[in-house]
Amino acid sequence: RGLTDLSVERELLSEGFDYVIGVDEVGRGALAGPVSV
């Protein structure tokens, strides 16, 4: 099921932030290929 809860993002807005950047990595445990973000 997809995520629906935006409470973290709403909290940032209430703190006065204008934008949020979500960040995640992939490939950390691979033996070959790039590590990507």
Full PDB file with SEQRES, HELIX, SHEET, SSBOND, CRYST1, ORIGX, SCALE, CONECT and MASTER records, all heavy atoms in Angstrom:
SEQRES   1 A   37  ARG GLY LEU THR ASP LEU SER VAL GLU ARG GLU LEU LEU          
SEQRES   2 A   37  SER GLU GLY PHE ASP TYR VAL ILE GLY VAL ASP GLU VAL          
SEQRES   3 A   37  GLY ARG GLY ALA LEU ALA GLY PRO VAL SER VAL                  
HELIX    1 AA1 SER A    7  SER A   14  1                                   8    
CRYST1    1.000    1.000    1.000  90.00  90.00  90.00 P 1           1          
ORIGX1      1.000000  0.000000  0.000000        0.00000                         
ORIGX2      0.000000  1.000000  0.000000        0.00000                         
ORIGX3      0.000000  0.000000  1.000000        0.00000                         
SCALE1      1.000000  0.000000  0.000000        0.00000                         
SCALE2      0.000000  1.000000  0.000000        0.00000                         
SCALE3      0.000000  0.000000  1.000000        0.00000                         
ATOM      1  N   ARG A   1       0.851  -1.186   0.000  1.00  0.00           N  
ATOM      2  CA  ARG A   1       0.000   0.000   0.000  1.00  0.00           C  
ATOM      3  C   ARG A   1       0.887   1.238   0.000  1.00  0.00           C  
ATOM      4  O   ARG A   1       1.948   1.273   0.614  1.00  0.00           O  
ATOM      5  CB  ARG A   1      -0.900  -0.016   1.223  1.00  0.00           C  
ATOM      6  CG  ARG A   1      -1.888  -1.163   1.247  1.00  0.00           C  
ATOM      7  CD  ARG A   1      -2.741  -1.086   2.492  1.00  0.00           C  
ATOM      8  NE  ARG A   1      -3.507   0.149   2.552  1.00  0.00           N  
ATOM      9  CZ  ARG A   1      -4.254   0.517   3.595  1.00  0.00           C  
ATOM     10  NH1 ARG A   1      -4.301  -0.266   4.663  1.00  0.00           N  
ATOM     11  NH2 ARG A   1      -4.924   1.649   3.581  1.00  0.00           N  
ATOM     12  N   GLY A   2       0.448   2.269  -0.673  1.00  0.00           N  
ATOM     13  CA  GLY A   2       1.220   3.495  -0.717  1.00  0.00           C  
ATOM     14  C   GLY A   2       1.128   4.275   0.586  1.00  0.00           C  
ATOM     15  O   GLY A   2       0.206   4.098   1.376  1.00  0.00           O  
ATOM     16  N   LEU A   3       2.115   5.123   0.815  1.00  0.00           N  
ATOM     17  CA  LEU A   3       2.117   5.981   1.995  1.00  0.00           C  
ATOM     18  C   LEU A   3       1.128   7.129   1.802  1.00  0.00           C  
ATOM     19  O   LEU A   3       0.936   7.622   0.688  1.00  0.00           O  
ATOM     20  CB  LEU A   3       3.521   6.545   2.218  1.00  0.00           C  
ATOM     21  CG  LEU A   3       4.641   5.516   2.416  1.00  0.00           C  
ATOM     22  CD1 LEU A   3       5.981   6.228   2.593  1.00  0.00           C  
ATOM     23  CD2 LEU A   3       4.344   4.622   3.603  1.00  0.00           C  
ATOM     24  N   THR A   4       0.529   7.561   2.892  1.00  0.00           N  
ATOM     25  CA  THR A   4      -0.432   8.664   2.830  1.00  0.00           C  
ATOM     26  C   THR A   4      -0.190   9.727   3.890  1.00  0.00           C  
ATOM     27  O   THR A   4      -0.727  10.831   3.800  1.00  0.00           O  
ATOM     28  CB  THR A   4      -1.875   8.133   2.999  1.00  0.00           C  
ATOM     29  OG1 THR A   4      -1.983   7.464   4.261  1.00  0.00           O  
ATOM     30  CG2 THR A   4      -2.237   7.166   1.876  1.00  0.00           C  
ATOM     31  N   ASP A   5       0.612   9.415   4.893  1.00  0.00           N  
ATOM     32  CA  ASP A   5       0.796  10.301   6.047  1.00  0.00           C  
ATOM     33  C   ASP A   5       1.842  11.372   5.760  1.00  0.00           C  
ATOM     34  O   ASP A   5       3.029  11.078   5.596  1.00  0.00           O  
ATOM     35  CB  ASP A   5       1.221   9.472   7.260  1.00  0.00           C  
ATOM     36  CG  ASP A   5       1.327  10.307   8.533  1.00  0.00           C  
ATOM     37  OD1 ASP A   5       1.033  11.521   8.489  1.00  0.00           O  
ATOM     38  OD2 ASP A   5       1.706   9.738   9.576  1.00  0.00           O  
ATOM     39  N   LEU A   6       1.417  12.620   5.703  1.00  0.00           N  
ATOM     40  CA  LEU A   6       2.312  13.752   5.456  1.00  0.00           C  
ATOM     41  C   LEU A   6       2.579  14.554   6.725  1.00  0.00           C  
ATOM     42  O   LEU A   6       2.910  15.739   6.657  1.00  0.00           O  
ATOM     43  CB  LEU A   6       1.700  14.670   4.387  1.00  0.00           C  
ATOM     44  CG  LEU A   6       1.690  14.120   2.962  1.00  0.00           C  
ATOM     45  CD1 LEU A   6       0.760  14.954   2.085  1.00  0.00           C  
ATOM     46  CD2 LEU A   6       3.086  14.106   2.367  1.00  0.00           C  
ATOM     47  N   SER A   7       2.469  13.905   7.884  1.00  0.00           N  
ATOM     48  CA  SER A   7       2.610  14.648   9.136  1.00  0.00           C  
ATOM     49  C   SER A   7       4.013  15.215   9.309  1.00  0.00           C  
ATOM     50  O   SER A   7       4.171  16.323   9.859  1.00  0.00           O  
ATOM     51  CB  SER A   7       2.255  13.754  10.325  1.00  0.00           C  
ATOM     52  OG  SER A   7       3.067  12.596  10.361  1.00  0.00           O  
ATOM     53  N   VAL A   8       5.038  14.511   8.871  1.00  0.00           N  
ATOM     54  CA  VAL A   8       6.408  15.033   8.984  1.00  0.00           C  
ATOM     55  C   VAL A   8       6.576  16.277   8.119  1.00  0.00           C  
ATOM     56  O   VAL A   8       7.146  17.288   8.552  1.00  0.00           O  
ATOM     57  CB  VAL A   8       7.425  13.947   8.585  1.00  0.00           C  
ATOM     58  CG1 VAL A   8       8.836  14.537   8.509  1.00  0.00           C  
ATOM     59  CG2 VAL A   8       7.385  12.785   9.575  1.00  0.00           C  
ATOM     60  N   GLU A   9       6.054  16.204   6.912  1.00  0.00           N  
ATOM     61  CA  GLU A   9       6.163  17.352   6.012  1.00  0.00           C  
ATOM     62  C   GLU A   9       5.335  18.535   6.522  1.00  0.00           C  
ATOM     63  O   GLU A   9       5.760  19.686   6.409  1.00  0.00           O  
ATOM     64  CB  GLU A   9       5.710  16.946   4.605  1.00  0.00           C  
ATOM     65  CG  GLU A   9       6.644  15.963   3.891  1.00  0.00           C  
ATOM     66  CD  GLU A   9       6.355  14.496   4.195  1.00  0.00           C  
ATOM     67  OE1 GLU A   9       5.621  14.212   5.171  1.00  0.00           O  
ATOM     68  OE2 GLU A   9       6.853  13.629   3.463  1.00  0.00           O  
ATOM     69  N   ARG A  10       4.181  18.254   7.104  1.00  0.00           N  
ATOM     70  CA  ARG A  10       3.353  19.335   7.667  1.00  0.00           C  
ATOM     71  C   ARG A  10       4.049  19.992   8.858  1.00  0.00           C  
ATOM     72  O   ARG A  10       3.944  21.207   9.060  1.00  0.00           O  
ATOM     73  CB  ARG A  10       1.983  18.799   8.074  1.00  0.00           C  
ATOM     74  CG  ARG A  10       1.094  18.439   6.890  1.00  0.00           C  
ATOM     75  CD  ARG A  10      -0.355  18.218   7.311  1.00  0.00           C  
ATOM     76  NE  ARG A  10      -1.194  17.963   6.159  1.00  0.00           N  
ATOM     77  CZ  ARG A  10      -1.505  16.747   5.709  1.00  0.00           C  
ATOM     78  NH1 ARG A  10      -1.058  15.674   6.349  1.00  0.00           N  
ATOM     79  NH2 ARG A  10      -2.263  16.598   4.633  1.00  0.00           N  
ATOM     80  N   GLU A  11       4.754  19.201   9.633  1.00  0.00           N  
ATOM     81  CA  GLU A  11       5.490  19.740  10.768  1.00  0.00           C  
ATOM     82  C   GLU A  11       6.596  20.688  10.282  1.00  0.00           C  
ATOM     83  O   GLU A  11       6.823  21.751  10.887  1.00  0.00           O  
ATOM     84  CB  GLU A  11       6.104  18.600  11.586  1.00  0.00           C  
ATOM     85  CG  GLU A  11       6.913  19.049  12.789  1.00  0.00           C  
ATOM     86  CD  GLU A  11       6.095  19.786  13.830  1.00  0.00           C  
ATOM     87  OE1 GLU A  11       4.863  19.594  13.889  1.00  0.00           O  
ATOM     88  OE2 GLU A  11       6.694  20.568  14.603  1.00  0.00           O  
ATOM     89  N   LEU A  12       7.267  20.331   9.211  1.00  0.00           N  
ATOM     90  CA  LEU A  12       8.284  21.228   8.659  1.00  0.00           C  
ATOM     91  C   LEU A  12       7.672  22.554   8.206  1.00  0.00           C  
ATOM     92  O   LEU A  12       8.242  23.630   8.430  1.00  0.00           O  
ATOM     93  CB  LEU A  12       8.989  20.562   7.469  1.00  0.00           C  
ATOM     94  CG  LEU A  12       9.919  19.395   7.783  1.00  0.00           C  
ATOM     95  CD1 LEU A  12      10.474  18.818   6.483  1.00  0.00           C  
ATOM     96  CD2 LEU A  12      11.045  19.824   8.702  1.00  0.00           C  
ATOM     97  N   LEU A  13       6.517  22.480   7.578  1.00  0.00           N  
ATOM     98  CA  LEU A  13       5.837  23.699   7.151  1.00  0.00           C  
ATOM     99  C   LEU A  13       5.498  24.566   8.349  1.00  0.00           C  
ATOM    100  O   LEU A  13       5.675  25.798   8.325  1.00  0.00           O  
ATOM    101  CB  LEU A  13       4.581  23.339   6.363  1.00  0.00           C  
ATOM    102  CG  LEU A  13       3.796  24.502   5.742  1.00  0.00           C  
ATOM    103  CD1 LEU A  13       4.641  25.262   4.735  1.00  0.00           C  
ATOM    104  CD2 LEU A  13       2.519  23.968   5.079  1.00  0.00           C  
ATOM    105  N   SER A  14       5.041  23.949   9.440  1.00  0.00           N  
ATOM    106  CA  SER A  14       4.692  24.712  10.641  1.00  0.00           C  
ATOM    107  C   SER A  14       5.925  25.333  11.293  1.00  0.00           C  
ATOM    108  O   SER A  14       5.829  26.332  12.003  1.00  0.00           O  
ATOM    109  CB  SER A  14       3.966  23.812  11.642  1.00  0.00           C  
ATOM    110  OG  SER A  14       4.849  22.874  12.229  1.00  0.00           O  
ATOM    111  N   GLU A  15       7.096  24.751  11.047  1.00  0.00           N  
ATOM    112  CA  GLU A  15       8.343  25.288  11.580  1.00  0.00           C  
ATOM    113  C   GLU A  15       8.887  26.440  10.742  1.00  0.00           C  
ATOM    114  O   GLU A  15       9.886  27.056  11.106  1.00  0.00           O  
ATOM    115  CB  GLU A  15       9.403  24.182  11.659  1.00  0.00           C  
ATOM    116  CG  GLU A  15       9.107  23.107  12.680  1.00  0.00           C  
ATOM    117  CD  GLU A  15      10.143  22.001  12.647  1.00  0.00           C  
ATOM    118  OE1 GLU A  15      11.302  22.270  12.250  1.00  0.00           O  
ATOM    119  OE2 GLU A  15       9.805  20.857  13.002  1.00  0.00           O  
ATOM    120  N   GLY A  16       8.239  26.714   9.611  1.00  0.00           N  
ATOM    121  CA  GLY A  16       8.668  27.823   8.774  1.00  0.00           C  
ATOM    122  C   GLY A  16       9.487  27.451   7.564  1.00  0.00           C  
ATOM    123  O   GLY A  16      10.002  28.334   6.857  1.00  0.00           O  
ATOM    124  N   PHE A  17       9.597  26.151   7.265  1.00  0.00           N  
ATOM    125  CA  PHE A  17      10.333  25.741   6.072  1.00  0.00           C  
ATOM    126  C   PHE A  17       9.433  25.857   4.838  1.00  0.00           C  
ATOM    127  O   PHE A  17       8.217  25.669   4.911  1.00  0.00           O  
ATOM    128  CB  PHE A  17      10.851  24.314   6.225  1.00  0.00           C  
ATOM    129  CG  PHE A  17      11.978  24.199   7.203  1.00  0.00           C  
ATOM    130  CD1 PHE A  17      11.742  23.826   8.524  1.00  0.00           C  
ATOM    131  CD2 PHE A  17      13.276  24.506   6.824  1.00  0.00           C  
ATOM    132  CE1 PHE A  17      12.777  23.743   9.436  1.00  0.00           C  
ATOM    133  CE2 PHE A  17      14.322  24.434   7.733  1.00  0.00           C  
ATOM    134  CZ  PHE A  17      14.072  24.052   9.032  1.00  0.00           C  
ATOM    135  N   ASP A  18      10.064  26.169   3.716  1.00  0.00           N  
ATOM    136  CA  ASP A  18       9.343  26.321   2.449  1.00  0.00           C  
ATOM    137  C   ASP A  18       9.423  25.064   1.589  1.00  0.00           C  
ATOM    138  O   ASP A  18       8.485  24.744   0.857  1.00  0.00           O  
ATOM    139  CB  ASP A  18       9.927  27.487   1.644  1.00  0.00           C  
ATOM    140  CG  ASP A  18       9.897  28.796   2.402  1.00  0.00           C  
ATOM    141  OD1 ASP A  18       8.824  29.150   2.910  1.00  0.00           O  
ATOM    142  OD2 ASP A  18      10.953  29.463   2.495  1.00  0.00           O  
ATOM    143  N   TYR A  19      10.552  24.373   1.648  1.00  0.00           N  
ATOM    144  CA  TYR A  19      10.793  23.198   0.801  1.00  0.00           C  
ATOM    145  C   TYR A  19      11.363  22.063   1.637  1.00  0.00           C  
ATOM    146  O   TYR A  19      12.006  22.276   2.660  1.00  0.00           O  
ATOM    147  CB  TYR A  19      11.792  23.529  -0.325  1.00  0.00           C  
ATOM    148  CG  TYR A  19      11.240  24.447  -1.382  1.00  0.00           C  
ATOM    149  CD1 TYR A  19      11.262  25.828  -1.206  1.00  0.00           C  
ATOM    150  CD2 TYR A  19      10.705  23.945  -2.565  1.00  0.00           C  
ATOM    151  CE1 TYR A  19      10.743  26.683  -2.174  1.00  0.00           C  
ATOM    152  CE2 TYR A  19      10.196  24.787  -3.542  1.00  0.00           C  
ATOM    153  CZ  TYR A  19      10.215  26.153  -3.339  1.00  0.00           C  
ATOM    154  OH  TYR A  19       9.710  26.983  -4.294  1.00  0.00           O  
ATOM    155  N   VAL A  20      11.140  20.843   1.145  1.00  0.00           N  
ATOM    156  CA  VAL A  20      11.759  19.658   1.728  1.00  0.00           C  
ATOM    157  C   VAL A  20      12.403  18.866   0.594  1.00  0.00           C  
ATOM    158  O   VAL A  20      11.880  18.826  -0.531  1.00  0.00           O  
ATOM    159  CB  VAL A  20      10.731  18.783   2.484  1.00  0.00           C  
ATOM    160  CG1 VAL A  20       9.642  18.254   1.538  1.00  0.00           C  
ATOM    161  CG2 VAL A  20      11.416  17.640   3.208  1.00  0.00           C  
ATOM    162  N   ILE A  21      13.552  18.269   0.896  1.00  0.00           N  
ATOM    163  CA  ILE A  21      14.214  17.379  -0.050  1.00  0.00           C  
ATOM    164  C   ILE A  21      14.340  16.007   0.602  1.00  0.00           C  
ATOM    165  O   ILE A  21      15.026  15.855   1.620  1.00  0.00           O  
ATOM    166  CB  ILE A  21      15.620  17.886  -0.441  1.00  0.00           C  
ATOM    167  CG1 ILE A  21      15.544  19.279  -1.049  1.00  0.00           C  
ATOM    168  CG2 ILE A  21      16.275  16.914  -1.435  1.00  0.00           C  
ATOM    169  CD1 ILE A  21      16.910  19.910  -1.297  1.00  0.00           C  
ATOM    170  N   GLY A  22      13.646  15.017   0.058  1.00  0.00           N  
ATOM    171  CA  GLY A  22      13.801  13.652   0.517  1.00  0.00           C  
ATOM    172  C   GLY A  22      15.043  13.045  -0.116  1.00  0.00           C  
ATOM    173  O   GLY A  22      15.312  13.285  -1.299  1.00  0.00           O  
ATOM    174  N   VAL A  23      15.811  12.284   0.663  1.00  0.00           N  
ATOM    175  CA  VAL A  23      17.059  11.700   0.174  1.00  0.00           C  
ATOM    176  C   VAL A  23      17.161  10.245   0.628  1.00  0.00           C  
ATOM    177  O   VAL A  23      16.915   9.923   1.800  1.00  0.00           O  
ATOM    178  CB  VAL A  23      18.289  12.476   0.695  1.00  0.00           C  
ATOM    179  CG1 VAL A  23      19.582  11.851   0.159  1.00  0.00           C  
ATOM    180  CG2 VAL A  23      18.215  13.945   0.304  1.00  0.00           C  
ATOM    181  N   ASP A  24      17.552   9.361  -0.296  1.00  0.00           N  
ATOM    182  CA  ASP A  24      17.793   7.965   0.049  1.00  0.00           C  
ATOM    183  C   ASP A  24      18.854   7.397  -0.878  1.00  0.00           C  
ATOM    184  O   ASP A  24      19.033   7.870  -2.005  1.00  0.00           O  
ATOM    185  CB  ASP A  24      16.508   7.143  -0.067  1.00  0.00           C  
ATOM    186  CG  ASP A  24      16.599   5.808   0.672  1.00  0.00           C  
ATOM    187  OD1 ASP A  24      17.547   5.623   1.457  1.00  0.00           O  
ATOM    188  OD2 ASP A  24      15.720   4.953   0.460  1.00  0.00           O  
ATOM    189  N   GLU A  25      19.563   6.378  -0.379  1.00  0.00           N  
ATOM    190  CA  GLU A  25      20.626   5.754  -1.178  1.00  0.00           C  
ATOM    191  C   GLU A  25      20.223   4.345  -1.577  1.00  0.00           C  
ATOM    192  O   GLU A  25      19.353   3.721  -0.963  1.00  0.00           O  
ATOM    193  CB  GLU A  25      21.941   5.737  -0.400  1.00  0.00           C  
ATOM    194  CG  GLU A  25      21.897   5.052   0.955  1.00  0.00           C  
ATOM    195  CD  GLU A  25      21.963   3.530   0.910  1.00  0.00           C  
ATOM    196  OE1 GLU A  25      22.395   2.986  -0.116  1.00  0.00           O  
ATOM    197  OE2 GLU A  25      21.560   2.901   1.896  1.00  0.00           O  
ATOM    198  N   VAL A  26      20.910   3.817  -2.592  1.00  0.00           N  
ATOM    199  CA  VAL A  26      20.712   2.446  -3.018  1.00  0.00           C  
ATOM    200  C   VAL A  26      22.048   1.912  -3.518  1.00  0.00           C  
ATOM    201  O   VAL A  26      22.848   2.642  -4.088  1.00  0.00           O  
ATOM    202  CB  VAL A  26      19.635   2.347  -4.123  1.00  0.00           C  
ATOM    203  CG1 VAL A  26      20.057   3.081  -5.386  1.00  0.00           C  
ATOM    204  CG2 VAL A  26      19.298   0.904  -4.423  1.00  0.00           C  
ATOM    205  N   GLY A  27      22.284   0.631  -3.251  1.00  0.00           N  
ATOM    206  CA  GLY A  27      23.503  -0.016  -3.743  1.00  0.00           C  
ATOM    207  C   GLY A  27      24.628  -0.074  -2.744  1.00  0.00           C  
ATOM    208  O   GLY A  27      25.729  -0.514  -3.092  1.00  0.00           O  
ATOM    209  N   ARG A  28      24.370   0.308  -1.514  1.00  0.00           N  
ATOM    210  CA  ARG A  28      25.434   0.323  -0.504  1.00  0.00           C  
ATOM    211  C   ARG A  28      26.070  -1.067  -0.343  1.00  0.00           C  
ATOM    212  O   ARG A  28      27.285  -1.203  -0.217  1.00  0.00           O  
ATOM    213  CB  ARG A  28      24.876   0.792   0.842  1.00  0.00           C  
ATOM    214  CG  ARG A  28      25.927   0.947   1.930  1.00  0.00           C  
ATOM    215  CD  ARG A  28      25.271   1.004   3.303  1.00  0.00           C  
ATOM    216  NE  ARG A  28      24.421   2.168   3.461  1.00  0.00           N  
ATOM    217  CZ  ARG A  28      24.767   3.274   4.134  1.00  0.00           C  
ATOM    218  NH1 ARG A  28      25.971   3.347   4.679  1.00  0.00           N  
ATOM    219  NH2 ARG A  28      23.926   4.273   4.244  1.00  0.00           N  
ATOM    220  N   GLY A  29      25.263  -2.116  -0.324  1.00  0.00           N  
ATOM    221  CA  GLY A  29      25.779  -3.449  -0.053  1.00  0.00           C  
ATOM    222  C   GLY A  29      26.116  -4.276  -1.281  1.00  0.00           C  
ATOM    223  O   GLY A  29      26.473  -5.451  -1.150  1.00  0.00           O  
ATOM    224  N   ALA A  30      26.032  -3.702  -2.460  1.00  0.00           N  
ATOM    225  CA  ALA A  30      26.328  -4.447  -3.679  1.00  0.00           C  
ATOM    226  C   ALA A  30      27.830  -4.693  -3.824  1.00  0.00           C  
ATOM    227  O   ALA A  30      28.655  -3.965  -3.258  1.00  0.00           O  
ATOM    228  CB  ALA A  30      25.806  -3.690  -4.892  1.00  0.00           C  
ATOM    229  N   LEU A  31      28.185  -5.693  -4.596  1.00  0.00           N  
ATOM    230  CA  LEU A  31      29.588  -5.981  -4.889  1.00  0.00           C  
ATOM    231  C   LEU A  31      30.075  -5.264  -6.131  1.00  0.00           C  
ATOM    232  O   LEU A  31      31.285  -5.092  -6.325  1.00  0.00           O  
ATOM    233  CB  LEU A  31      29.787  -7.492  -5.089  1.00  0.00           C  
ATOM    234  CG  LEU A  31      29.350  -8.417  -3.950  1.00  0.00           C  
ATOM    235  CD1 LEU A  31      29.645  -9.865  -4.321  1.00  0.00           C  
ATOM    236  CD2 LEU A  31      30.033  -8.033  -2.651  1.00  0.00           C  
ATOM    237  N   ALA A  32      29.138  -4.856  -6.980  1.00  0.00           N  
ATOM    238  CA  ALA A  32      29.494  -4.230  -8.246  1.00  0.00           C  
ATOM    239  C   ALA A  32      28.528  -3.095  -8.553  1.00  0.00           C  
ATOM    240  O   ALA A  32      27.410  -3.046  -8.044  1.00  0.00           O  
ATOM    241  CB  ALA A  32      29.447  -5.259  -9.381  1.00  0.00           C  
ATOM    242  N   GLY A  33      28.987  -2.190  -9.405  1.00  0.00           N  
ATOM    243  CA  GLY A  33      28.152  -1.075  -9.834  1.00  0.00           C  
ATOM    244  C   GLY A  33      28.252   0.123  -8.917  1.00  0.00           C  
ATOM    245  O   GLY A  33      28.902   0.079  -7.869  1.00  0.00           O  
ATOM    246  N   PRO A  34      27.611   1.197  -9.301  1.00  0.00           N  
ATOM    247  CA  PRO A  34      27.691   2.438  -8.530  1.00  0.00           C  
ATOM    248  C   PRO A  34      26.889   2.369  -7.248  1.00  0.00           C  
ATOM    249  O   PRO A  34      26.013   1.506  -7.082  1.00  0.00           O  
ATOM    250  CB  PRO A  34      27.069   3.462  -9.482  1.00  0.00           C  
ATOM    251  CG  PRO A  34      26.063   2.670 -10.259  1.00  0.00           C  
ATOM    252  CD  PRO A  34      26.719   1.330 -10.478  1.00  0.00           C  
ATOM    253  N   VAL A  35      27.200   3.252  -6.329  1.00  0.00           N  
ATOM    254  CA  VAL A  35      26.299   3.545  -5.227  1.00  0.00           C  
ATOM    255  C   VAL A  35      25.568   4.814  -5.634  1.00  0.00           C  
ATOM    256  O   VAL A  35      26.187   5.765  -6.123  1.00  0.00           O  
ATOM    257  CB  VAL A  35      27.049   3.716  -3.890  1.00  0.00           C  
ATOM    258  CG1 VAL A  35      28.040   4.855  -3.914  1.00  0.00           C  
ATOM    259  CG2 VAL A  35      26.058   3.909  -2.754  1.00  0.00           C  
ATOM    260  N   SER A  36      24.256   4.812  -5.514  1.00  0.00           N  
ATOM    261  CA  SER A  36      23.446   5.904  -6.054  1.00  0.00           C  
ATOM    262  C   SER A  36      22.590   6.544  -4.969  1.00  0.00           C  
ATOM    263  O   SER A  36      22.194   5.886  -4.001  1.00  0.00           O  
ATOM    264  CB  SER A  36      22.546   5.388  -7.185  1.00  0.00           C  
ATOM    265  OG  SER A  36      23.325   4.850  -8.241  1.00  0.00           O  
ATOM    266  N   VAL A  37      22.300   7.818  -5.167  1.00  0.00           N  
ATOM    267  CA  VAL A  37      21.487   8.583  -4.229  1.00  0.00           C  
ATOM    268  C   VAL A  37      20.375   9.283  -4.992  1.00  0.00           C  
ATOM    269  O   VAL A  37      20.632   9.967  -5.989  1.00  0.00           O  
ATOM    270  CB  VAL A  37      22.343   9.616  -3.464  1.00  0.00           C  
ATOM    271  CG1 VAL A  37      21.454  10.522  -2.609  1.00  0.00           C  
ATOM    272  CG2 VAL A  37      23.372   8.917  -2.600  1.00  0.00           C  
TER     273      VAL A  37                                                      
MASTER        0    0    0    1    0    0    0    6  272    1    0    3          
END                                                                             
